[in-house]
Amino acid sequence: MANTVIRTVRPTRGSRIAAIGIRPSGTRHPLVAVAMVLPLAVLLVVVFGGWQAVVTQASSVAGLMGR
């Protein structure tokens, strides 16, 4: 018994999450990604006054499309 090595195996993050019923996936639906990013994007536009830049870019693109 003196030569016995006891190793403690630490569970990985994924196995701990899977143990409670949540399985992480490598991809997420694009609409979920947009829903996550959109509130922050709107906040940054409002805080830094980016509406004018958005309107300018939209009108430029519309001009290129011939509308």
Protein backbone atom coordinates (compact mmCIF):
# COMPACT_ATOMS: atom_id res chain seq x y z
CA MET A 1 0.00 0.00 0.00
CA ALA A 2 3.00 2.28 0.38
CA ASN A 3 3.50 2.42 -3.40
CA THR A 4 -0.13 3.21 -4.21
CA VAL A 5 -0.68 6.54 -5.94
CA ILE A 6 -4.03 8.16 -5.48
CA ARG A 7 -4.97 10.57 -8.22
CA THR A 8 -7.77 13.04 -7.97
CA VAL A 9 -9.51 13.65 -11.27
CA ARG A 10 -10.98 17.09 -11.45
CA PRO A 11 -14.13 17.33 -13.57
CA THR A 12 -13.93 19.64 -16.55
CA ARG A 13 -16.24 22.61 -16.92
CA GLY A 14 -18.30 20.89 -19.62
CA SER A 15 -18.89 17.78 -17.55
CA ARG A 16 -19.98 19.88 -14.57
CA ILE A 17 -22.46 21.77 -16.73
CA ALA A 18 -23.70 18.54 -18.33
CA ALA A 19 -24.19 17.09 -14.85
CA ILE A 20 -26.91 19.67 -14.14
CA GLY A 21 -28.63 19.09 -17.47
CA ILE A 22 -27.20 21.90 -19.60
CA ARG A 23 -25.20 20.79 -22.60
CA PRO A 24 -22.97 23.41 -24.16
CA SER A 25 -22.95 23.49 -27.93
CA GLY A 26 -20.33 24.86 -30.24
CA THR A 27 -22.76 26.98 -32.25
CA ARG A 28 -25.73 29.16 -31.54
CA HIS A 29 -28.52 30.29 -33.80
CA PRO A 30 -27.81 33.63 -35.52
CA LEU A 31 -31.02 35.17 -34.18
CA VAL A 32 -29.96 34.31 -30.64
CA ALA A 33 -26.62 36.00 -31.26
CA VAL A 34 -28.39 39.09 -32.61
CA ALA A 35 -30.74 39.15 -29.61
CA MET A 36 -27.72 39.06 -27.31
CA VAL A 37 -25.80 41.83 -29.09
CA LEU A 38 -28.60 44.18 -30.10
CA PRO A 39 -29.30 45.74 -26.65
CA LEU A 40 -25.63 46.62 -26.21
CA ALA A 41 -25.42 48.00 -29.75
CA VAL A 42 -28.46 50.21 -29.18
CA LEU A 43 -27.04 51.43 -25.87
CA LEU A 44 -23.74 52.36 -27.50
CA VAL A 45 -25.49 54.17 -30.34
CA VAL A 46 -27.59 56.19 -27.89
CA VAL A 47 -24.69 56.97 -25.55
CA PHE A 48 -22.24 58.00 -28.24
CA GLY A 49 -24.75 59.60 -30.63
CA GLY A 50 -24.21 57.27 -33.55
CA TRP A 51 -27.61 57.77 -35.17
CA GLN A 52 -26.23 60.27 -37.68
CA ALA A 53 -23.56 57.81 -38.83
CA VAL A 54 -26.18 55.07 -39.25
CA VAL A 55 -28.42 57.36 -41.32
CA THR A 56 -25.47 58.50 -43.45
CA GLN A 57 -24.36 54.94 -44.16
CA ALA A 58 -27.93 53.80 -44.92
CA SER A 59 -28.48 56.65 -47.37
CA SER A 60 -25.12 55.93 -49.00
CA VAL A 61 -26.00 52.28 -49.48
CA ALA A 62 -29.44 53.19 -50.77
CA GLY A 63 -27.81 55.57 -53.28
CA LEU A 64 -25.53 52.78 -54.48
CA MET A 65 -28.53 50.51 -54.93
CA GLY A 66 -30.29 53.18 -56.98
CA ARG A 67 -33.14 53.98 -54.63
